[in-house]
Amino acid sequence: KAGKMGQYDVAVPGDYMVKIMGDEGLLDNFAPEDLPNFGNIAPQWLDVPFDPGRHSSIPYQWGSTAFSVNRDVYKDDIGSLGIIFNPPAELQGKINVLDSQGEVLTLGSIYLGIPQCTQDREQLKALNEMLVNAKTHWASFGSDTAKDVLVSGDAAAGMIYNGFSSKARAEGANVEYAFPKEGYVVWMDNVVLLKDAPNRDNALKFMNFLLDPENAAAVTNYAAYSAGVTGVEPFLDDEIRNSPENNPPADQKGFFIEACDEETQKLYDAVWTNLKK
């Protein structure tokens, strides 16, 4: 909403924001035949909860949010979100956490096994208490610095985006990215067609361009995440194609962050405000 409708053609919102923007009437629809490369969208990213059937968005890049651990500091099992929320002695006071309400509260809910967007007061109380206790073992909140503190050694573990973890490894940090048994956050950036786009035809051409496998691979090679497009593999750099951060185990489950209704969101805002005070 930064500008008036009719000023911009496309935007690149995250998954849950696509639904919010659609509900607020900010998006235009297109037909599959408007995009000759529409069939390149990977099947698992076609019928997504935030835009079923892909009528106003296309996948751009997707990734996950979990945590990474410096294996020089901690050598035991890292298969649980307890590493962040009930950390072992070796990591206490050495953990960076993303400064992101959605990801912190969602990962906390996954750890406790409670639903997102719950209004159950006991569940919210448990989430609040767990996070407040966990915070006593954290060193910092930081999203933009999540990679840098692992590379510098200022943090021995950290909640992190998978692409940041991959880049930390490339910069020499002996870190391992975890896909915890309880689950992890999956996110997807999308390109949307805005309502009243002044250059609608060119916007569709641009979106179609991004669905070409070679073009999608170029973005992926730079960003170190994953494309939601089939046929990219021949164009990927080897380190991206084989990156452990980009290849989650088949038996591990990722969860999109859900968009809560306004009243429920206020409850989560209170939990976050209490955690950050």
C-alpha atoms as a PDB file:
ATOM      1  CA  LYS A   1       0.000   0.000   0.000  1.00  0.00           C
ATOM      2  CA  ALA A   2       3.045   2.264  -0.246  1.00  0.00           C
ATOM      3  CA  GLY A   3       1.662   3.860  -3.395  1.00  0.00           C
ATOM      4  CA  LYS A   4      -1.655   4.224  -5.137  1.00  0.00           C
ATOM      5  CA  MET A   5      -3.014   1.309  -7.125  1.00  0.00           C
ATOM      6  CA  GLY A   6      -2.117   1.719 -10.763  1.00  0.00           C
ATOM      7  CA  GLN A   7       1.409   2.886  -9.935  1.00  0.00           C
ATOM      8  CA  TYR A   8       3.195  -0.493  -9.882  1.00  0.00           C
ATOM      9  CA  ASP A   9       2.895  -3.586 -12.064  1.00  0.00           C
ATOM     10  CA  VAL A  10       4.277  -6.393  -9.898  1.00  0.00           C
ATOM     11  CA  ALA A  11       5.404  -7.023  -6.343  1.00  0.00           C
ATOM     12  CA  VAL A  12       7.317  -9.812  -4.599  1.00  0.00           C
ATOM     13  CA  PRO A  13       5.484 -10.729  -1.385  1.00  0.00           C
ATOM     14  CA  GLY A  14       6.020 -13.700   0.881  1.00  0.00           C
ATOM     15  CA  ASP A  15       3.553 -16.558   0.959  1.00  0.00           C
ATOM     16  CA  TYR A  16       1.107 -15.412   3.641  1.00  0.00           C
ATOM     17  CA  MET A  17       1.220 -11.845   2.312  1.00  0.00           C
ATOM     18  CA  VAL A  18      -0.120 -13.069  -1.040  1.00  0.00           C
ATOM     19  CA  LYS A  19      -3.321 -14.134   0.693  1.00  0.00           C
ATOM     20  CA  ILE A  20      -3.558 -10.901   2.657  1.00  0.00           C
ATOM     21  CA  MET A  21      -3.059  -8.814  -0.477  1.00  0.00           C
ATOM     22  CA  GLY A  22      -5.620 -10.899  -2.340  1.00  0.00           C
ATOM     23  CA  ASP A  23      -8.164 -10.548   0.459  1.00  0.00           C
ATOM     24  CA  GLU A  24      -7.655  -6.780   0.403  1.00  0.00           C
ATOM     25  CA  GLY A  25      -8.290  -6.585  -3.343  1.00  0.00           C
ATOM     26  CA  LEU A  26      -4.758  -5.568  -4.278  1.00  0.00           C
ATOM     27  CA  LEU A  27      -4.132  -8.328  -6.827  1.00  0.00           C
ATOM     28  CA  ASP A  28      -5.262  -8.979 -10.383  1.00  0.00           C
ATOM     29  CA  ASN A  29      -5.897 -12.438 -11.802  1.00  0.00           C
ATOM     30  CA  PHE A  30      -4.424 -13.989 -14.923  1.00  0.00           C
ATOM     31  CA  ALA A  31      -5.242 -17.135 -16.879  1.00  0.00           C
ATOM     32  CA  PRO A  32      -2.666 -19.903 -17.412  1.00  0.00           C
ATOM     33  CA  GLU A  33      -2.681 -19.162 -21.132  1.00  0.00           C
ATOM     34  CA  ASP A  34      -1.477 -15.624 -20.349  1.00  0.00           C
ATOM     35  CA  LEU A  35       1.856 -17.190 -19.358  1.00  0.00           C
ATOM     36  CA  PRO A  36       3.222 -19.656 -21.945  1.00  0.00           C
ATOM     37  CA  ASN A  37       5.632 -20.975 -19.289  1.00  0.00           C
ATOM     38  CA  PHE A  38       2.880 -21.513 -16.708  1.00  0.00           C
ATOM     39  CA  GLY A  39       3.280 -25.280 -17.118  1.00  0.00           C
ATOM     40  CA  ASN A  40       6.823 -24.996 -15.756  1.00  0.00           C
ATOM     41  CA  ILE A  41       5.541 -24.328 -12.250  1.00  0.00           C
ATOM     42  CA  ALA A  42       6.516 -27.335 -10.133  1.00  0.00           C
ATOM     43  CA  PRO A  43       3.397 -29.354  -9.180  1.00  0.00           C
ATOM     44  CA  GLN A  44       3.973 -29.010  -5.423  1.00  0.00           C
ATOM     45  CA  TRP A  45       3.918 -25.219  -5.741  1.00  0.00           C
ATOM     46  CA  LEU A  46       0.817 -24.980  -7.928  1.00  0.00           C
ATOM     47  CA  ASP A  47      -2.051 -25.584  -5.511  1.00  0.00           C
ATOM     48  CA  VAL A  48      -0.671 -23.566  -2.608  1.00  0.00           C
ATOM     49  CA  PRO A  49      -2.880 -22.483   0.323  1.00  0.00           C
ATOM     50  CA  PHE A  50      -2.226 -18.774  -0.206  1.00  0.00           C
ATOM     51  CA  ASP A  51      -3.182 -18.835  -3.932  1.00  0.00           C
ATOM     52  CA  PRO A  52      -4.820 -22.155  -4.874  1.00  0.00           C
ATOM     53  CA  GLY A  53      -4.265 -22.850  -8.552  1.00  0.00           C
ATOM     54  CA  ARG A  54      -1.993 -19.833  -8.984  1.00  0.00           C
ATOM     55  CA  HIS A  55      -4.420 -17.220 -10.318  1.00  0.00           C
ATOM     56  CA  SER A  56      -2.520 -14.105  -9.238  1.00  0.00           C
ATOM     57  CA  SER A  57       1.005 -15.232  -8.311  1.00  0.00           C
ATOM     58  CA  ILE A  58       3.917 -17.305  -9.562  1.00  0.00           C
ATOM     59  CA  PRO A  59       6.719 -18.859  -7.485  1.00  0.00           C
ATOM     60  CA  TYR A  60       9.969 -16.917  -7.362  1.00  0.00           C
ATOM     61  CA  GLN A  61      12.248 -18.542  -4.766  1.00  0.00           C
ATOM     62  CA  TRP A  62      11.496 -20.796  -1.830  1.00  0.00           C
ATOM     63  CA  GLY A  63      13.458 -21.888   1.161  1.00  0.00           C
ATOM     64  CA  SER A  64      13.245 -22.881   4.781  1.00  0.00           C
ATOM     65  CA  THR A  65      13.942 -21.433   8.193  1.00  0.00           C
ATOM     66  CA  ALA A  66      15.382 -23.565  10.964  1.00  0.00           C
ATOM     67  CA  PHE A  67      18.813 -23.278  12.602  1.00  0.00           C
ATOM     68  CA  SER A  68      22.500 -23.962  12.092  1.00  0.00           C
ATOM     69  CA  VAL A  69      25.126 -25.071  14.589  1.00  0.00           C
ATOM     70  CA  ASN A  70      28.883 -24.621  14.632  1.00  0.00           C
ATOM     71  CA  ARG A  71      30.179 -28.181  14.676  1.00  0.00           C
ATOM     72  CA  ASP A  72      33.492 -27.119  16.219  1.00  0.00           C
ATOM     73  CA  VAL A  73      31.549 -26.028  19.296  1.00  0.00           C
ATOM     74  CA  TYR A  74      28.789 -28.643  19.501  1.00  0.00           C
ATOM     75  CA  LYS A  75      29.221 -32.139  18.106  1.00  0.00           C
ATOM     76  CA  ASP A  76      26.119 -33.963  19.389  1.00  0.00           C
ATOM     77  CA  ASP A  77      22.725 -34.466  17.749  1.00  0.00           C
ATOM     78  CA  ILE A  78      21.034 -31.337  16.374  1.00  0.00           C
ATOM     79  CA  GLY A  79      17.816 -32.953  15.211  1.00  0.00           C
ATOM     80  CA  SER A  80      15.438 -31.049  17.481  1.00  0.00           C
ATOM     81  CA  LEU A  81      14.258 -27.469  17.887  1.00  0.00           C
ATOM     82  CA  GLY A  82      15.316 -27.917  21.496  1.00  0.00           C
ATOM     83  CA  ILE A  83      18.742 -26.728  20.321  1.00  0.00           C
ATOM     84  CA  ILE A  84      17.193 -23.249  20.140  1.00  0.00           C
ATOM     85  CA  PHE A  85      14.425 -23.430  22.725  1.00  0.00           C
ATOM     86  CA  ASN A  86      16.082 -25.636  25.379  1.00  0.00           C
ATOM     87  CA  PRO A  87      19.745 -25.438  24.416  1.00  0.00           C
ATOM     88  CA  PRO A  88      22.527 -27.653  25.742  1.00  0.00           C
ATOM     89  CA  ALA A  89      25.136 -26.112  28.017  1.00  0.00           C
ATOM     90  CA  GLU A  90      27.702 -25.806  25.227  1.00  0.00           C
ATOM     91  CA  LEU A  91      25.433 -23.437  23.288  1.00  0.00           C
ATOM     92  CA  GLN A  92      23.851 -21.420  26.072  1.00  0.00           C
ATOM     93  CA  GLY A  93      24.563 -17.737  25.680  1.00  0.00           C
ATOM     94  CA  LYS A  94      25.875 -18.292  22.153  1.00  0.00           C
ATOM     95  CA  ILE A  95      22.649 -18.348  20.115  1.00  0.00           C
ATOM     96  CA  ASN A  96      21.366 -15.765  17.651  1.00  0.00           C
ATOM     97  CA  VAL A  97      17.625 -15.721  16.950  1.00  0.00           C
ATOM     98  CA  LEU A  98      15.948 -14.093  13.974  1.00  0.00           C
ATOM     99  CA  ASP A  99      14.331 -10.766  14.757  1.00  0.00           C
ATOM    100  CA  SER A 100      11.162 -12.004  13.091  1.00  0.00           C
ATOM    101  CA  GLN A 101       7.911 -12.468  14.956  1.00  0.00           C
ATOM    102  CA  GLY A 102       6.420 -14.834  12.413  1.00  0.00           C
ATOM    103  CA  GLU A 103       9.329 -17.237  12.298  1.00  0.00           C
ATOM    104  CA  VAL A 104      10.166 -17.240  16.002  1.00  0.00           C
ATOM    105  CA  LEU A 105       6.575 -17.790  17.147  1.00  0.00           C
ATOM    106  CA  THR A 106       5.874 -20.338  14.427  1.00  0.00           C
ATOM    107  CA  LEU A 107       8.991 -22.381  15.199  1.00  0.00           C
ATOM    108  CA  GLY A 108       8.123 -22.150  18.890  1.00  0.00           C
ATOM    109  CA  SER A 109       4.625 -23.434  18.177  1.00  0.00           C
ATOM    110  CA  ILE A 110       6.022 -26.279  16.067  1.00  0.00           C
ATOM    111  CA  TYR A 111       8.388 -27.196  18.918  1.00  0.00           C
ATOM    112  CA  LEU A 112       5.514 -27.336  21.417  1.00  0.00           C
ATOM    113  CA  GLY A 113       3.196 -29.109  18.991  1.00  0.00           C
ATOM    114  CA  ILE A 114       0.480 -26.460  19.183  1.00  0.00           C
ATOM    115  CA  PRO A 115      -1.402 -25.075  16.166  1.00  0.00           C
ATOM    116  CA  GLN A 116      -0.609 -21.757  14.596  1.00  0.00           C
ATOM    117  CA  CYS A 117      -3.189 -19.020  15.127  1.00  0.00           C
ATOM    118  CA  THR A 118      -4.540 -20.664  18.261  1.00  0.00           C
ATOM    119  CA  GLN A 119      -6.769 -18.671  20.592  1.00  0.00           C
ATOM    120  CA  ASP A 120      -6.389 -21.218  23.382  1.00  0.00           C
ATOM    121  CA  ARG A 121      -5.116 -19.251  26.376  1.00  0.00           C
ATOM    122  CA  GLU A 122      -3.288 -22.216  27.906  1.00  0.00           C
ATOM    123  CA  GLN A 123      -1.453 -22.908  24.663  1.00  0.00           C
ATOM    124  CA  LEU A 124      -0.490 -19.253  24.305  1.00  0.00           C
ATOM    125  CA  LYS A 125       0.638 -19.169  27.932  1.00  0.00           C
ATOM    126  CA  ALA A 126       2.823 -22.221  27.345  1.00  0.00           C
ATOM    127  CA  LEU A 127       4.316 -20.605  24.234  1.00  0.00           C
ATOM    128  CA  ASN A 128       4.998 -17.375  26.090  1.00  0.00           C
ATOM    129  CA  GLU A 129       6.645 -19.098  29.054  1.00  0.00           C
ATOM    130  CA  MET A 130       8.780 -21.344  26.868  1.00  0.00           C
ATOM    131  CA  LEU A 131      10.068 -18.405  24.829  1.00  0.00           C
ATOM    132  CA  VAL A 132      10.814 -16.243  27.857  1.00  0.00           C
ATOM    133  CA  ASN A 133      12.799 -19.081  29.438  1.00  0.00           C
ATOM    134  CA  ALA A 134      14.624 -19.803  26.182  1.00  0.00           C
ATOM    135  CA  LYS A 135      15.572 -16.140  25.785  1.00  0.00           C
ATOM    136  CA  THR A 136      17.770 -16.357  28.885  1.00  0.00           C
ATOM    137  CA  HIS A 137      20.081 -18.607  26.827  1.00  0.00           C
ATOM    138  CA  TRP A 138      20.160 -16.432  23.699  1.00  0.00           C
ATOM    139  CA  ALA A 139      22.868 -13.911  22.896  1.00  0.00           C
ATOM    140  CA  SER A 140      21.135 -11.761  20.312  1.00  0.00           C
ATOM    141  CA  PHE A 141      18.251 -11.081  17.959  1.00  0.00           C
ATOM    142  CA  GLY A 142      19.274 -10.429  14.369  1.00  0.00           C
ATOM    143  CA  SER A 143      18.007 -11.308  10.903  1.00  0.00           C
ATOM    144  CA  ASP A 144      20.318  -9.435   8.538  1.00  0.00           C
ATOM    145  CA  THR A 145      23.307 -10.518  10.654  1.00  0.00           C
ATOM    146  CA  ALA A 146      22.265 -14.170  11.015  1.00  0.00           C
ATOM    147  CA  LYS A 147      24.986 -15.362   8.636  1.00  0.00           C
ATOM    148  CA  ASP A 148      27.688 -12.973   9.752  1.00  0.00           C
ATOM    149  CA  VAL A 149      27.589 -13.908  13.445  1.00  0.00           C
ATOM    150  CA  LEU A 150      28.070 -17.573  12.552  1.00  0.00           C
ATOM    151  CA  VAL A 151      30.977 -16.776  10.244  1.00  0.00           C
ATOM    152  CA  SER A 152      32.648 -14.502  12.807  1.00  0.00           C
ATOM    153  CA  GLY A 153      32.091 -16.927  15.668  1.00  0.00           C
ATOM    154  CA  ASP A 154      30.067 -14.407  17.660  1.00  0.00           C
ATOM    155  CA  ALA A 155      27.332 -17.051  17.707  1.00  0.00           C
ATOM    156  CA  ALA A 156      27.791 -20.819  17.883  1.00  0.00           C
ATOM    157  CA  ALA A 157      24.229 -21.527  16.782  1.00  0.00           C
ATOM    158  CA  GLY A 158      21.487 -19.531  15.231  1.00  0.00           C
ATOM    159  CA  MET A 159      18.027 -19.529  13.784  1.00  0.00           C
ATOM    160  CA  ILE A 160      18.649 -18.908  10.100  1.00  0.00           C
ATOM    161  CA  TYR A 161      17.385 -19.078   6.534  1.00  0.00           C
ATOM    162  CA  ASN A 162      18.775 -22.038   4.620  1.00  0.00           C
ATOM    163  CA  GLY A 163      20.410 -19.839   1.984  1.00  0.00           C
ATOM    164  CA  PHE A 164      22.214 -17.819   4.649  1.00  0.00           C
ATOM    165  CA  SER A 165      23.501 -21.056   6.159  1.00  0.00           C
ATOM    166  CA  SER A 166      24.783 -22.200   2.782  1.00  0.00           C
ATOM    167  CA  LYS A 167      26.598 -18.904   2.320  1.00  0.00           C
ATOM    168  CA  ALA A 168      28.079 -19.167   5.838  1.00  0.00           C
ATOM    169  CA  ARG A 169      29.560 -22.535   4.882  1.00  0.00           C
ATOM    170  CA  ALA A 170      30.919 -21.055   1.676  1.00  0.00           C
ATOM    171  CA  GLU A 171      32.631 -18.367   3.747  1.00  0.00           C
ATOM    172  CA  GLY A 172      34.400 -20.967   5.871  1.00  0.00           C
ATOM    173  CA  ALA A 173      32.138 -21.506   8.861  1.00  0.00           C
ATOM    174  CA  ASN A 174      31.938 -25.144   9.985  1.00  0.00           C
ATOM    175  CA  VAL A 175      28.172 -25.030  10.373  1.00  0.00           C
ATOM    176  CA  GLU A 176      25.497 -27.629   9.784  1.00  0.00           C
ATOM    177  CA  TYR A 177      21.916 -26.713   8.931  1.00  0.00           C
ATOM    178  CA  ALA A 178      19.268 -28.754  10.709  1.00  0.00           C
ATOM    179  CA  PHE A 179      15.893 -30.020   9.554  1.00  0.00           C
ATOM    180  CA  PRO A 180      14.445 -30.644  13.032  1.00  0.00           C
ATOM    181  CA  LYS A 181      12.215 -33.611  13.695  1.00  0.00           C
ATOM    182  CA  GLU A 182       9.355 -31.431  14.946  1.00  0.00           C
ATOM    183  CA  GLY A 183       9.290 -29.508  11.670  1.00  0.00           C
ATOM    184  CA  TYR A 184      10.572 -26.243  10.245  1.00  0.00           C
ATOM    185  CA  VAL A 185       9.264 -23.157   8.466  1.00  0.00           C
ATOM    186  CA  VAL A 186       8.900 -23.232   4.698  1.00  0.00           C
ATOM    187  CA  TRP A 187       8.533 -19.919   2.936  1.00  0.00           C
ATOM    188  CA  MET A 188       8.122 -18.820  -0.633  1.00  0.00           C
ATOM    189  CA  ASP A 189       8.635 -15.465  -2.279  1.00  0.00           C
ATOM    190  CA  ASN A 190       6.211 -14.947  -5.140  1.00  0.00           C
ATOM    191  CA  VAL A 191       5.741 -12.492  -7.978  1.00  0.00           C
ATOM    192  CA  VAL A 192       2.204 -11.117  -8.069  1.00  0.00           C
ATOM    193  CA  LEU A 193       0.296  -9.159 -10.685  1.00  0.00           C
ATOM    194  CA  LEU A 194      -1.029  -6.002  -9.059  1.00  0.00           C
ATOM    195  CA  LYS A 195      -4.528  -4.699  -9.642  1.00  0.00           C
ATOM    196  CA  ASP A 196      -4.673  -1.874 -12.181  1.00  0.00           C
ATOM    197  CA  ALA A 197      -1.079  -2.511 -13.295  1.00  0.00           C
ATOM    198  CA  PRO A 198      -0.299   0.289 -15.794  1.00  0.00           C
ATOM    199  CA  ASN A 199       1.842  -2.048 -17.915  1.00  0.00           C
ATOM    200  CA  ARG A 200      -0.112  -5.278 -17.550  1.00  0.00           C
ATOM    201  CA  ASP A 201       1.103  -6.896 -20.768  1.00  0.00           C
ATOM    202  CA  ASN A 202       4.749  -6.250 -19.941  1.00  0.00           C
ATOM    203  CA  ALA A 203       4.187  -7.450 -16.389  1.00  0.00           C
ATOM    204  CA  LEU A 204       2.920 -10.769 -17.725  1.00  0.00           C
ATOM    205  CA  LYS A 205       5.901 -11.001 -20.086  1.00  0.00           C
ATOM    206  CA  PHE A 206       8.229 -10.449 -17.123  1.00  0.00           C
ATOM    207  CA  MET A 207       6.464 -13.099 -15.050  1.00  0.00           C
ATOM    208  CA  ASN A 208       6.665 -15.510 -17.965  1.00  0.00           C
ATOM    209  CA  PHE A 209      10.397 -14.719 -18.286  1.00  0.00           C
ATOM    210  CA  LEU A 210      10.907 -15.723 -14.654  1.00  0.00           C
ATOM    211  CA  LEU A 211       9.220 -19.078 -15.286  1.00  0.00           C
ATOM    212  CA  ASP A 212      11.804 -20.015 -17.909  1.00  0.00           C
ATOM    213  CA  PRO A 213      14.068 -22.657 -16.295  1.00  0.00           C
ATOM    214  CA  GLU A 214      17.333 -21.013 -17.328  1.00  0.00           C
ATOM    215  CA  ASN A 215      16.242 -17.653 -15.956  1.00  0.00           C
ATOM    216  CA  ALA A 216      14.903 -19.193 -12.746  1.00  0.00           C
ATOM    217  CA  ALA A 217      18.210 -21.026 -12.312  1.00  0.00           C
ATOM    218  CA  ALA A 218      20.156 -17.776 -12.670  1.00  0.00           C
ATOM    219  CA  VAL A 219      18.206 -16.316  -9.749  1.00  0.00           C
ATOM    220  CA  THR A 220      18.723 -19.500  -7.743  1.00  0.00           C
ATOM    221  CA  ASN A 221      22.468 -19.579  -8.361  1.00  0.00           C
ATOM    222  CA  TYR A 222      22.707 -16.038  -7.019  1.00  0.00           C
ATOM    223  CA  ALA A 223      20.319 -16.309  -4.082  1.00  0.00           C
ATOM    224  CA  ALA A 224      21.298 -19.855  -2.986  1.00  0.00           C
ATOM    225  CA  TYR A 225      17.665 -20.840  -2.402  1.00  0.00           C
ATOM    226  CA  SER A 226      15.415 -22.964  -4.642  1.00  0.00           C
ATOM    227  CA  ALA A 227      13.226 -22.259  -7.656  1.00  0.00           C
ATOM    228  CA  GLY A 228       9.620 -23.365  -7.847  1.00  0.00           C
ATOM    229  CA  VAL A 229      10.128 -24.218 -11.507  1.00  0.00           C
ATOM    230  CA  THR A 230      10.745 -27.566 -13.178  1.00  0.00           C
ATOM    231  CA  GLY A 231      13.698 -28.059 -15.497  1.00  0.00           C
ATOM    232  CA  VAL A 232      16.160 -25.832 -13.642  1.00  0.00           C
ATOM    233  CA  GLU A 233      18.577 -28.600 -12.628  1.00  0.00           C
ATOM    234  CA  PRO A 234      20.809 -28.543 -15.753  1.00  0.00           C
ATOM    235  CA  PHE A 235      21.393 -24.823 -15.240  1.00  0.00           C
ATOM    236  CA  LEU A 236      22.211 -24.918 -11.514  1.00  0.00           C
ATOM    237  CA  ASP A 237      25.725 -24.580 -10.153  1.00  0.00           C
ATOM    238  CA  ASP A 238      26.919 -27.844  -8.588  1.00  0.00           C
ATOM    239  CA  GLU A 239      27.203 -26.344  -5.107  1.00  0.00           C
ATOM    240  CA  ILE A 240      23.590 -25.168  -5.274  1.00  0.00           C
ATOM    241  CA  ARG A 241      22.235 -28.411  -6.728  1.00  0.00           C
ATOM    242  CA  ASN A 242      24.012 -30.514  -4.096  1.00  0.00           C
ATOM    243  CA  SER A 243      23.651 -28.137  -1.153  1.00  0.00           C
ATOM    244  CA  PRO A 244      22.415 -29.977   1.965  1.00  0.00           C
ATOM    245  CA  GLU A 245      20.488 -26.852   2.931  1.00  0.00           C
ATOM    246  CA  ASN A 246      18.434 -27.116  -0.269  1.00  0.00           C
ATOM    247  CA  ASN A 247      17.653 -30.820   0.028  1.00  0.00           C
ATOM    248  CA  PRO A 248      15.453 -31.511   3.061  1.00  0.00           C
ATOM    249  CA  PRO A 249      14.899 -35.140   4.052  1.00  0.00           C
ATOM    250  CA  ALA A 250      11.715 -36.579   2.582  1.00  0.00           C
ATOM    251  CA  ASP A 251      10.431 -37.573   6.026  1.00  0.00           C
ATOM    252  CA  GLN A 252      10.795 -34.087   7.530  1.00  0.00           C
ATOM    253  CA  LYS A 253       7.916 -31.639   7.349  1.00  0.00           C
ATOM    254  CA  GLY A 254       7.905 -27.949   6.578  1.00  0.00           C
ATOM    255  CA  PHE A 255       5.105 -25.562   7.513  1.00  0.00           C
ATOM    256  CA  PHE A 256       4.108 -22.277   5.927  1.00  0.00           C
ATOM    257  CA  ILE A 257       3.500 -19.430   8.380  1.00  0.00           C
ATOM    258  CA  GLU A 258      -0.252 -18.937   8.626  1.00  0.00           C
ATOM    259  CA  ALA A 259      -1.935 -15.547   8.435  1.00  0.00           C
ATOM    260  CA  CYS A 260      -4.045 -15.165  11.578  1.00  0.00           C
ATOM    261  CA  ASP A 261      -7.235 -13.147  11.755  1.00  0.00           C
ATOM    262  CA  GLU A 262      -6.946  -9.708  13.309  1.00  0.00           C
ATOM    263  CA  GLU A 263      -8.091 -10.635  16.816  1.00  0.00           C
ATOM    264  CA  THR A 264      -5.857 -13.699  16.994  1.00  0.00           C
ATOM    265  CA  GLN A 265      -2.911 -11.706  15.671  1.00  0.00           C
ATOM    266  CA  LYS A 266      -3.242  -9.330  18.610  1.00  0.00           C
ATOM    267  CA  LEU A 267      -2.656 -12.270  20.962  1.00  0.00           C
ATOM    268  CA  TYR A 268       0.545 -13.204  19.145  1.00  0.00           C
ATOM    269  CA  ASP A 269       1.650  -9.572  19.035  1.00  0.00           C
ATOM    270  CA  ALA A 270       1.385  -9.523  22.834  1.00  0.00           C
ATOM    271  CA  VAL A 271       3.557 -12.637  23.129  1.00  0.00           C
ATOM    272  CA  TRP A 272       6.185 -11.096  20.847  1.00  0.00           C
ATOM    273  CA  THR A 273       6.134  -7.738  22.629  1.00  0.00           C
ATOM    274  CA  ASN A 274       6.639  -9.501  25.951  1.00  0.00           C
ATOM    275  CA  LEU A 275       9.537 -11.509  24.539  1.00  0.00           C
ATOM    276  CA  LYS A 276      11.304  -8.437  23.136  1.00  0.00           C
ATOM    277  CA  LYS A 277      10.934  -6.172  26.168  1.00  0.00           C
END
